[in-house]
Amino acid sequence: MDKAKKIQDFYANKVKDACRPEIRRYGALQLAVFKAKRAGEDISALKQELENARREAMRKAIACLDEHEHFEVIATLSDNGKIRSMPDFFKNCII
């Protein structure tokens, strides 16, 4: 494993640990939306709640890293990798 991947994994684990309740809530709401969609129920309220949970998880994920840690992750980003931007990094952490 190269150095950039190790750094990204280290900070991703830090984010996941700090945001565990929000990530669990987001995952549970994703499952609820999926089940409601399969059952043919109205999912508009669930979709709004899912979006709010995603936004809250992203907000907390961004806040749990300090400025120096953000710059370390930014230094590891590349155009040919799986993670190309900070939003991709945080999205990858909460999904």
PDB file of N, CA and C in Angstrom:
ATOM      1  N   MET A   1       0.846  -1.175   0.000  1.00  0.00           N
ATOM      2  CA  MET A   1       0.000   0.000   0.000  1.00  0.00           C
ATOM      3  C   MET A   1       0.890   1.236   0.000  1.00  0.00           C
ATOM      4  N   ASP A   2       0.586   2.145  -0.891  1.00  0.00           N
ATOM      5  CA  ASP A   2       1.425   3.336  -0.978  1.00  0.00           C
ATOM      6  C   ASP A   2       1.089   4.331   0.141  1.00  0.00           C
ATOM      7  N   LYS A   3       1.943   5.320   0.284  1.00  0.00           N
ATOM      8  CA  LYS A   3       1.841   6.278   1.381  1.00  0.00           C
ATOM      9  C   LYS A   3       0.539   7.082   1.320  1.00  0.00           C
ATOM     10  N   ALA A   4       0.139   7.511   0.113  1.00  0.00           N
ATOM     11  CA  ALA A   4      -1.082   8.305  -0.030  1.00  0.00           C
ATOM     12  C   ALA A   4      -2.300   7.514   0.438  1.00  0.00           C
ATOM     13  N   LYS A   5      -2.366   6.250   0.079  1.00  0.00           N
ATOM     14  CA  LYS A   5      -3.493   5.405   0.470  1.00  0.00           C
ATOM     15  C   LYS A   5      -3.517   5.212   1.988  1.00  0.00           C
ATOM     16  N   LYS A   6      -2.349   5.061   2.603  1.00  0.00           N
ATOM     17  CA  LYS A   6      -2.276   4.909   4.059  1.00  0.00           C
ATOM     18  C   LYS A   6      -2.789   6.159   4.765  1.00  0.00           C
ATOM     19  N   ILE A   7      -2.393   7.320   4.249  1.00  0.00           N
ATOM     20  CA  ILE A   7      -2.841   8.583   4.850  1.00  0.00           C
ATOM     21  C   ILE A   7      -4.351   8.721   4.711  1.00  0.00           C
ATOM     22  N   GLN A   8      -4.877   8.439   3.519  1.00  0.00           N
ATOM     23  CA  GLN A   8      -6.319   8.530   3.306  1.00  0.00           C
ATOM     24  C   GLN A   8      -7.070   7.553   4.200  1.00  0.00           C
ATOM     25  N   ASP A   9      -6.576   6.334   4.328  1.00  0.00           N
ATOM     26  CA  ASP A   9      -7.230   5.343   5.185  1.00  0.00           C
ATOM     27  C   ASP A   9      -7.205   5.764   6.650  1.00  0.00           C
ATOM     28  N   PHE A  10      -6.072   6.323   7.086  1.00  0.00           N
ATOM     29  CA  PHE A  10      -5.961   6.770   8.474  1.00  0.00           C
ATOM     30  C   PHE A  10      -7.007   7.838   8.783  1.00  0.00           C
ATOM     31  N   TYR A  11      -7.096   8.851   7.923  1.00  0.00           N
ATOM     32  CA  TYR A  11      -8.049   9.927   8.176  1.00  0.00           C
ATOM     33  C   TYR A  11      -9.488   9.489   7.921  1.00  0.00           C
ATOM     34  N   ALA A  12      -9.708   8.582   7.001  1.00  0.00           N
ATOM     35  CA  ALA A  12     -11.054   8.051   6.779  1.00  0.00           C
ATOM     36  C   ALA A  12     -11.536   7.308   8.022  1.00  0.00           C
ATOM     37  N   ASN A  13     -10.660   6.531   8.639  1.00  0.00           N
ATOM     38  CA  ASN A  13     -11.030   5.830   9.868  1.00  0.00           C
ATOM     39  C   ASN A  13     -11.301   6.815  11.002  1.00  0.00           C
ATOM     40  N   LYS A  14     -10.536   7.892  11.059  1.00  0.00           N
ATOM     41  CA  LYS A  14     -10.766   8.919  12.072  1.00  0.00           C
ATOM     42  C   LYS A  14     -12.140   9.550  11.877  1.00  0.00           C
ATOM     43  N   VAL A  15     -12.489   9.851  10.635  1.00  0.00           N
ATOM     44  CA  VAL A  15     -13.795  10.441  10.324  1.00  0.00           C
ATOM     45  C   VAL A  15     -14.907   9.449  10.666  1.00  0.00           C
ATOM     46  N   LYS A  16     -14.740   8.195  10.279  1.00  0.00           N
ATOM     47  CA  LYS A  16     -15.771   7.186  10.542  1.00  0.00           C
ATOM     48  C   LYS A  16     -15.995   6.995  12.040  1.00  0.00           C
ATOM     49  N   ASP A  17     -14.928   7.017  12.816  1.00  0.00           N
ATOM     50  CA  ASP A  17     -15.067   6.876  14.264  1.00  0.00           C
ATOM     51  C   ASP A  17     -15.792   8.077  14.872  1.00  0.00           C
ATOM     52  N   ALA A  18     -15.476   9.271  14.404  1.00  0.00           N
ATOM     53  CA  ALA A  18     -16.090  10.486  14.945  1.00  0.00           C
ATOM     54  C   ALA A  18     -17.560  10.622  14.548  1.00  0.00           C
ATOM     55  N   CYS A  19     -17.923  10.050  13.412  1.00  0.00           N
ATOM     56  CA  CYS A  19     -19.277  10.230  12.870  1.00  0.00           C
ATOM     57  C   CYS A  19     -20.114   8.951  12.910  1.00  0.00           C
ATOM     58  N   ARG A  20     -19.744   8.002  13.731  1.00  0.00           N
ATOM     59  CA  ARG A  20     -20.417   6.707  13.742  1.00  0.00           C
ATOM     60  C   ARG A  20     -21.948   6.806  13.893  1.00  0.00           C
ATOM     61  N   PRO A  21     -22.494   7.596  14.838  1.00  0.00           N
ATOM     62  CA  PRO A  21     -23.962   7.662  14.956  1.00  0.00           C
ATOM     63  C   PRO A  21     -24.635   8.247  13.709  1.00  0.00           C
ATOM     64  N   GLU A  22     -24.033   9.278  13.137  1.00  0.00           N
ATOM     65  CA  GLU A  22     -24.610   9.901  11.941  1.00  0.00           C
ATOM     66  C   GLU A  22     -24.557   8.945  10.749  1.00  0.00           C
ATOM     67  N   ILE A  23     -23.465   8.200  10.641  1.00  0.00           N
ATOM     68  CA  ILE A  23     -23.320   7.240   9.537  1.00  0.00           C
ATOM     69  C   ILE A  23     -24.341   6.118   9.681  1.00  0.00           C
ATOM     70  N   ARG A  24     -24.552   5.645  10.902  1.00  0.00           N
ATOM     71  CA  ARG A  24     -25.552   4.597  11.133  1.00  0.00           C
ATOM     72  C   ARG A  24     -26.950   5.091  10.804  1.00  0.00           C
ATOM     73  N   ARG A  25     -27.261   6.313  11.206  1.00  0.00           N
ATOM     74  CA  ARG A  25     -28.585   6.882  10.906  1.00  0.00           C
ATOM     75  C   ARG A  25     -28.772   7.013   9.400  1.00  0.00           C
ATOM     76  N   TYR A  26     -27.751   7.488   8.723  1.00  0.00           N
ATOM     77  CA  TYR A  26     -27.806   7.638   7.262  1.00  0.00           C
ATOM     78  C   TYR A  26     -28.021   6.275   6.596  1.00  0.00           C
ATOM     79  N   GLY A  27     -27.300   5.260   7.042  1.00  0.00           N
ATOM     80  CA  GLY A  27     -27.451   3.920   6.485  1.00  0.00           C
ATOM     81  C   GLY A  27     -28.835   3.343   6.735  1.00  0.00           C
ATOM     82  N   ALA A  28     -29.365   3.569   7.933  1.00  0.00           N
ATOM     83  CA  ALA A  28     -30.704   3.079   8.254  1.00  0.00           C
ATOM     84  C   ALA A  28     -31.761   3.770   7.388  1.00  0.00           C
ATOM     85  N   LEU A  29     -31.585   5.061   7.155  1.00  0.00           N
ATOM     86  CA  LEU A  29     -32.538   5.784   6.310  1.00  0.00           C
ATOM     87  C   LEU A  29     -32.435   5.346   4.855  1.00  0.00           C
ATOM     88  N   GLN A  30     -31.221   5.037   4.382  1.00  0.00           N
ATOM     89  CA  GLN A  30     -31.079   4.514   3.023  1.00  0.00           C
ATOM     90  C   GLN A  30     -31.847   3.216   2.875  1.00  0.00           C
ATOM     91  N   LEU A  31     -31.751   2.343   3.865  1.00  0.00           N
ATOM     92  CA  LEU A  31     -32.467   1.078   3.845  1.00  0.00           C
ATOM     93  C   LEU A  31     -33.980   1.309   3.896  1.00  0.00           C
ATOM     94  N   ALA A  32     -34.419   2.255   4.725  1.00  0.00           N
ATOM     95  CA  ALA A  32     -35.850   2.559   4.825  1.00  0.00           C
ATOM     96  C   ALA A  32     -36.393   3.094   3.501  1.00  0.00           C
ATOM     97  N   VAL A  33     -35.627   3.948   2.826  1.00  0.00           N
ATOM     98  CA  VAL A  33     -36.054   4.472   1.524  1.00  0.00           C
ATOM     99  C   VAL A  33     -36.146   3.331   0.513  1.00  0.00           C
ATOM    100  N   PHE A  34     -35.162   2.462   0.515  1.00  0.00           N
ATOM    101  CA  PHE A  34     -35.161   1.328  -0.407  1.00  0.00           C
ATOM    102  C   PHE A  34     -36.386   0.438  -0.173  1.00  0.00           C
ATOM    103  N   LYS A  35     -36.668   0.109   1.095  1.00  0.00           N
ATOM    104  CA  LYS A  35     -37.814  -0.755   1.405  1.00  0.00           C
ATOM    105  C   LYS A  35     -39.136  -0.081   1.056  1.00  0.00           C
ATOM    106  N   ALA A  36     -39.239   1.217   1.333  1.00  0.00           N
ATOM    107  CA  ALA A  36     -40.463   1.946   1.017  1.00  0.00           C
ATOM    108  C   ALA A  36     -40.680   2.022  -0.486  1.00  0.00           C
ATOM    109  N   LYS A  37     -39.602   2.199  -1.225  1.00  0.00           N
ATOM    110  CA  LYS A  37     -39.694   2.252  -2.680  1.00  0.00           C
ATOM    111  C   LYS A  37     -40.167   0.907  -3.235  1.00  0.00           C
ATOM    112  N   ARG A  38     -39.613  -0.178  -2.686  1.00  0.00           N
ATOM    113  CA  ARG A  38     -40.002  -1.523  -3.126  1.00  0.00           C
ATOM    114  C   ARG A  38     -41.464  -1.824  -2.802  1.00  0.00           C
ATOM    115  N   ALA A  39     -41.950  -1.268  -1.684  1.00  0.00           N
ATOM    116  CA  ALA A  39     -43.329  -1.499  -1.265  1.00  0.00           C
ATOM    117  C   ALA A  39     -44.310  -0.560  -1.966  1.00  0.00           C
ATOM    118  N   GLY A  40     -43.792   0.380  -2.742  1.00  0.00           N
ATOM    119  CA  GLY A  40     -44.647   1.312  -3.470  1.00  0.00           C
ATOM    120  C   GLY A  40     -45.212   2.421  -2.601  1.00  0.00           C
ATOM    121  N   GLU A  41     -44.586   2.687  -1.470  1.00  0.00           N
ATOM    122  CA  GLU A  41     -45.056   3.735  -0.561  1.00  0.00           C
ATOM    123  C   GLU A  41     -44.512   5.095  -0.989  1.00  0.00           C
ATOM    124  N   ASP A  42     -45.115   6.144  -0.425  1.00  0.00           N
ATOM    125  CA  ASP A  42     -44.645   7.502  -0.683  1.00  0.00           C
ATOM    126  C   ASP A  42     -43.331   7.709   0.075  1.00  0.00           C
ATOM    127  N   ILE A  43     -42.298   8.110  -0.634  1.00  0.00           N
ATOM    128  CA  ILE A  43     -40.978   8.244  -0.002  1.00  0.00           C
ATOM    129  C   ILE A  43     -40.513   9.688   0.101  1.00  0.00           C
ATOM    130  N   SER A  44     -41.371  10.644  -0.179  1.00  0.00           N
ATOM    131  CA  SER A  44     -40.931  12.041  -0.190  1.00  0.00           C
ATOM    132  C   SER A  44     -40.426  12.492   1.187  1.00  0.00           C
ATOM    133  N   ALA A  45     -41.130  12.124   2.255  1.00  0.00           N
ATOM    134  CA  ALA A  45     -40.681  12.513   3.597  1.00  0.00           C
ATOM    135  C   ALA A  45     -39.382  11.803   3.959  1.00  0.00           C
ATOM    136  N   LEU A  46     -39.289  10.530   3.589  1.00  0.00           N
ATOM    137  CA  LEU A  46     -38.063   9.770   3.866  1.00  0.00           C
ATOM    138  C   LEU A  46     -36.877  10.331   3.094  1.00  0.00           C
ATOM    139  N   LYS A  47     -37.112  10.733   1.848  1.00  0.00           N
ATOM    140  CA  LYS A  47     -36.015  11.293   1.044  1.00  0.00           C
ATOM    141  C   LYS A  47     -35.498  12.585   1.659  1.00  0.00           C
ATOM    142  N   GLN A  48     -36.414  13.409   2.171  1.00  0.00           N
ATOM    143  CA  GLN A  48     -36.001  14.662   2.812  1.00  0.00           C
ATOM    144  C   GLN A  48     -35.208  14.369   4.082  1.00  0.00           C
ATOM    145  N   GLU A  49     -35.669  13.398   4.865  1.00  0.00           N
ATOM    146  CA  GLU A  49     -34.961  13.023   6.082  1.00  0.00           C
ATOM    147  C   GLU A  49     -33.591  12.422   5.748  1.00  0.00           C
ATOM    148  N   LEU A  50     -33.523  11.641   4.664  1.00  0.00           N
ATOM    149  CA  LEU A  50     -32.256  11.063   4.216  1.00  0.00           C
ATOM    150  C   LEU A  50     -31.278  12.160   3.813  1.00  0.00           C
ATOM    151  N   GLU A  51     -31.760  13.153   3.094  1.00  0.00           N
ATOM    152  CA  GLU A  51     -30.906  14.266   2.679  1.00  0.00           C
ATOM    153  C   GLU A  51     -30.399  15.052   3.897  1.00  0.00           C
ATOM    154  N   ASN A  52     -31.260  15.248   4.875  1.00  0.00           N
ATOM    155  CA  ASN A  52     -30.843  15.943   6.101  1.00  0.00           C
ATOM    156  C   ASN A  52     -29.800  15.132   6.860  1.00  0.00           C
ATOM    157  N   ALA A  53     -29.972  13.822   6.903  1.00  0.00           N
ATOM    158  CA  ALA A  53     -29.002  12.955   7.590  1.00  0.00           C
ATOM    159  C   ALA A  53     -27.666  12.959   6.858  1.00  0.00           C
ATOM    160  N   ARG A  54     -27.702  12.954   5.529  1.00  0.00           N
ATOM    161  CA  ARG A  54     -26.466  13.001   4.747  1.00  0.00           C
ATOM    162  C   ARG A  54     -25.744  14.328   4.988  1.00  0.00           C
ATOM    163  N   ARG A  55     -26.499  15.397   4.977  1.00  0.00           N
ATOM    164  CA  ARG A  55     -25.917  16.724   5.192  1.00  0.00           C
ATOM    165  C   ARG A  55     -25.290  16.828   6.591  1.00  0.00           C
ATOM    166  N   GLU A  56     -25.974  16.298   7.599  1.00  0.00           N
ATOM    167  CA  GLU A  56     -25.458  16.333   8.968  1.00  0.00           C
ATOM    168  C   GLU A  56     -24.198  15.479   9.103  1.00  0.00           C
ATOM    169  N   ALA A  57     -24.191  14.307   8.472  1.00  0.00           N
ATOM    170  CA  ALA A  57     -23.004  13.442   8.517  1.00  0.00           C
ATOM    171  C   ALA A  57     -21.822  14.115   7.818  1.00  0.00           C
ATOM    172  N   MET A  58     -22.064  14.731   6.677  1.00  0.00           N
ATOM    173  CA  MET A  58     -20.994  15.428   5.951  1.00  0.00           C
ATOM    174  C   MET A  58     -20.473  16.610   6.768  1.00  0.00           C
ATOM    175  N   ARG A  59     -21.373  17.351   7.393  1.00  0.00           N
ATOM    176  CA  ARG A  59     -20.966  18.506   8.202  1.00  0.00           C
ATOM    177  C   ARG A  59     -20.066  18.068   9.350  1.00  0.00           C
ATOM    178  N   LYS A  60     -20.470  17.003  10.032  1.00  0.00           N
ATOM    179  CA  LYS A  60     -19.667  16.524  11.152  1.00  0.00           C
ATOM    180  C   LYS A  60     -18.348  15.922  10.669  1.00  0.00           C
ATOM    181  N   ALA A  61     -18.378  15.243   9.520  1.00  0.00           N
ATOM    182  CA  ALA A  61     -17.155  14.647   8.965  1.00  0.00           C
ATOM    183  C   ALA A  61     -16.136  15.731   8.628  1.00  0.00           C
ATOM    184  N   ILE A  62     -16.587  16.800   8.022  1.00  0.00           N
ATOM    185  CA  ILE A  62     -15.695  17.896   7.659  1.00  0.00           C
ATOM    186  C   ILE A  62     -15.128  18.560   8.915  1.00  0.00           C
ATOM    187  N   ALA A  63     -15.956  18.702   9.932  1.00  0.00           N
ATOM    188  CA  ALA A  63     -15.538  19.386  11.154  1.00  0.00           C
ATOM    189  C   ALA A  63     -14.593  18.556  12.021  1.00  0.00           C
ATOM    190  N   CYS A  64     -14.582  17.243  11.843  1.00  0.00           N
ATOM    191  CA  CYS A  64     -13.764  16.428  12.752  1.00  0.00           C
ATOM    192  C   CYS A  64     -12.279  16.441  12.392  1.00  0.00           C
ATOM    193  N   LEU A  65     -11.924  16.902  11.207  1.00  0.00           N
ATOM    194  CA  LEU A  65     -10.513  17.035  10.845  1.00  0.00           C
ATOM    195  C   LEU A  65     -10.095  18.492  10.989  1.00  0.00           C
ATOM    196  N   ASP A  66      -8.914  18.712  11.527  1.00  0.00           N
ATOM    197  CA  ASP A  66      -8.439  20.084  11.636  1.00  0.00           C
ATOM    198  C   ASP A  66      -7.804  20.524  10.306  1.00  0.00           C
ATOM    199  N   GLU A  67      -7.391  21.772  10.260  1.00  0.00           N
ATOM    200  CA  GLU A  67      -6.873  22.346   9.009  1.00  0.00           C
ATOM    201  C   GLU A  67      -5.652  21.590   8.491  1.00  0.00           C
ATOM    202  N   HIS A  68      -4.745  21.235   9.376  1.00  0.00           N
ATOM    203  CA  HIS A  68      -3.537  20.501   8.977  1.00  0.00           C
ATOM    204  C   HIS A  68      -3.896  19.137   8.372  1.00  0.00           C
ATOM    205  N   GLU A  69      -4.864  18.463   8.987  1.00  0.00           N
ATOM    206  CA  GLU A  69      -5.292  17.155   8.473  1.00  0.00           C
ATOM    207  C   GLU A  69      -5.963  17.280   7.110  1.00  0.00           C
ATOM    208  N   HIS A  70      -6.753  18.343   6.923  1.00  0.00           N
ATOM    209  CA  HIS A  70      -7.353  18.595   5.614  1.00  0.00           C
ATOM    210  C   HIS A  70      -6.272  18.735   4.547  1.00  0.00           C
ATOM    211  N   PHE A  71      -5.236  19.508   4.856  1.00  0.00           N
ATOM    212  CA  PHE A  71      -4.159  19.711   3.884  1.00  0.00           C
ATOM    213  C   PHE A  71      -3.389  18.426   3.605  1.00  0.00           C
ATOM    214  N   GLU A  72      -3.239  17.569   4.609  1.00  0.00           N
ATOM    215  CA  GLU A  72      -2.580  16.280   4.384  1.00  0.00           C
ATOM    216  C   GLU A  72      -3.380  15.422   3.413  1.00  0.00           C
ATOM    217  N   VAL A  73      -4.687  15.394   3.583  1.00  0.00           N
ATOM    218  CA  VAL A  73      -5.541  14.615   2.672  1.00  0.00           C
ATOM    219  C   VAL A  73      -5.513  15.228   1.279  1.00  0.00           C
ATOM    220  N   ILE A  74      -5.594  16.542   1.185  1.00  0.00           N
ATOM    221  CA  ILE A  74      -5.557  17.216  -0.116  1.00  0.00           C
ATOM    222  C   ILE A  74      -4.270  16.878  -0.860  1.00  0.00           C
ATOM    223  N   ALA A  75      -3.162  16.776  -0.134  1.00  0.00           N
ATOM    224  CA  ALA A  75      -1.874  16.460  -0.760  1.00  0.00           C
ATOM    225  C   ALA A  75      -1.846  15.053  -1.355  1.00  0.00           C
ATOM    226  N   THR A  76      -2.732  14.172  -0.897  1.00  0.00           N
ATOM    227  CA  THR A  76      -2.737  12.790  -1.397  1.00  0.00           C
ATOM    228  C   THR A  76      -3.704  12.576  -2.556  1.00  0.00           C
ATOM    229  N   LEU A  77      -4.493  13.583  -2.895  1.00  0.00           N
ATOM    230  CA  LEU A  77      -5.488  13.436  -3.966  1.00  0.00           C
ATOM    231  C   LEU A  77      -4.809  13.412  -5.330  1.00  0.00           C
ATOM    232  N   SER A  78      -5.397  12.645  -6.247  1.00  0.00           N
ATOM    233  CA  SER A  78      -4.849  12.595  -7.605  1.00  0.00           C
ATOM    234  C   SER A  78      -5.995  12.460  -8.603  1.00  0.00           C
ATOM    235  N   ASP A  79      -5.729  12.827  -9.830  1.00  0.00           N
ATOM    236  CA  ASP A  79      -6.751  12.759 -10.868  1.00  0.00           C
ATOM    237  C   ASP A  79      -7.036  11.332 -11.325  1.00  0.00           C
ATOM    238  N   ASN A  80      -6.098  10.431 -11.135  1.00  0.00           N
ATOM    239  CA  ASN A  80      -6.299   9.070 -11.621  1.00  0.00           C
ATOM    240  C   ASN A  80      -6.720   8.104 -10.513  1.00  0.00           C
ATOM    241  N   GLY A  81      -6.906   8.597  -9.307  1.00  0.00           N
ATOM    242  CA  GLY A  81      -7.288   7.740  -8.196  1.00  0.00           C
ATOM    243  C   GLY A  81      -8.796   7.674  -8.014  1.00  0.00           C
ATOM    244  N   LYS A  82      -9.218   6.859  -7.054  1.00  0.00           N
ATOM    245  CA  LYS A  82     -10.633   6.716  -6.744  1.00  0.00           C
ATOM    246  C   LYS A  82     -11.177   7.995  -6.109  1.00  0.00           C
ATOM    247  N   ILE A  83     -10.346   8.617  -5.286  1.00  0.00           N
ATOM    248  CA  ILE A  83     -10.747   9.845  -4.587  1.00  0.00           C
ATOM    249  C   ILE A  83     -10.026  11.013  -5.241  1.00  0.00           C
ATOM    250  N   ARG A  84     -10.803  11.908  -5.855  1.00  0.00           N
ATOM    251  CA  ARG A  84     -10.218  13.015  -6.611  1.00  0.00           C
ATOM    252  C   ARG A  84     -10.394  14.368  -5.948  1.00  0.00           C
ATOM    253  N   SER A  85     -11.262  14.442  -4.930  1.00  0.00           N
ATOM    254  CA  SER A  85     -11.519  15.724  -4.283  1.00  0.00           C
ATOM    255  C   SER A  85     -11.904  15.490  -2.822  1.00  0.00           C
ATOM    256  N   MET A  86     -11.917  16.548  -2.055  1.00  0.00           N
ATOM    257  CA  MET A  86     -12.313  16.427  -0.652  1.00  0.00           C
ATOM    258  C   MET A  86     -13.777  15.994  -0.522  1.00  0.00           C
ATOM    259  N   PRO A  87     -14.716  16.514  -1.320  1.00  0.00           N
ATOM    260  CA  PRO A  87     -16.083  15.987  -1.219  1.00  0.00           C
ATOM    261  C   PRO A  87     -16.147  14.478  -1.496  1.00  0.00           C
ATOM    262  N   ASP A  88     -15.355  14.009  -2.468  1.00  0.00           N
ATOM    263  CA  ASP A  88     -15.295  12.564  -2.722  1.00  0.00           C
ATOM    264  C   ASP A  88     -14.773  11.820  -1.500  1.00  0.00           C
ATOM    265  N   PHE A  89     -13.744  12.379  -0.852  1.00  0.00           N
ATOM    266  CA  PHE A  89     -13.172  11.752   0.334  1.00  0.00           C
ATOM    267  C   PHE A  89     -14.205  11.623   1.433  1.00  0.00           C
ATOM    268  N   PHE A  90     -14.920  12.713   1.728  1.00  0.00           N
ATOM    269  CA  PHE A  90     -15.905  12.677   2.806  1.00  0.00           C
ATOM    270  C   PHE A  90     -17.113  11.807   2.438  1.00  0.00           C
ATOM    271  N   LYS A  91     -17.526  11.856   1.187  1.00  0.00           N
ATOM    272  CA  LYS A  91     -18.632  11.001   0.743  1.00  0.00           C
ATOM    273  C   LYS A  91     -18.249   9.538   0.890  1.00  0.00           C
ATOM    274  N   ASN A  92     -17.018   9.222   0.563  1.00  0.00           N
ATOM    275  CA  ASN A  92     -16.508   7.863   0.695  1.00  0.00           C
ATOM    276  C   ASN A  92     -16.491   7.426   2.158  1.00  0.00           C
ATOM    277  N   CYS A  93     -16.270   8.361   3.065  1.00  0.00           N
ATOM    278  CA  CYS A  93     -16.237   8.041   4.489  1.00  0.00           C
ATOM    279  C   CYS A  93     -17.611   7.717   5.051  1.00  0.00           C
ATOM    280  N   ILE A  94     -18.634   8.416   4.591  1.00  0.00           N
ATOM    281  CA  ILE A  94     -19.955   8.215   5.193  1.00  0.00           C
ATOM    282  C   ILE A  94     -20.787   7.156   4.495  1.00  0.00           C
ATOM    283  N   ILE A  95     -20.376   6.731   3.327  1.00  0.00           N
ATOM    284  CA  ILE A  95     -21.156   5.696   2.619  1.00  0.00           C
ATOM    285  C   ILE A  95     -20.683   4.333   3.015  1.00  0.00           C
TER     286      ILE A  95
END
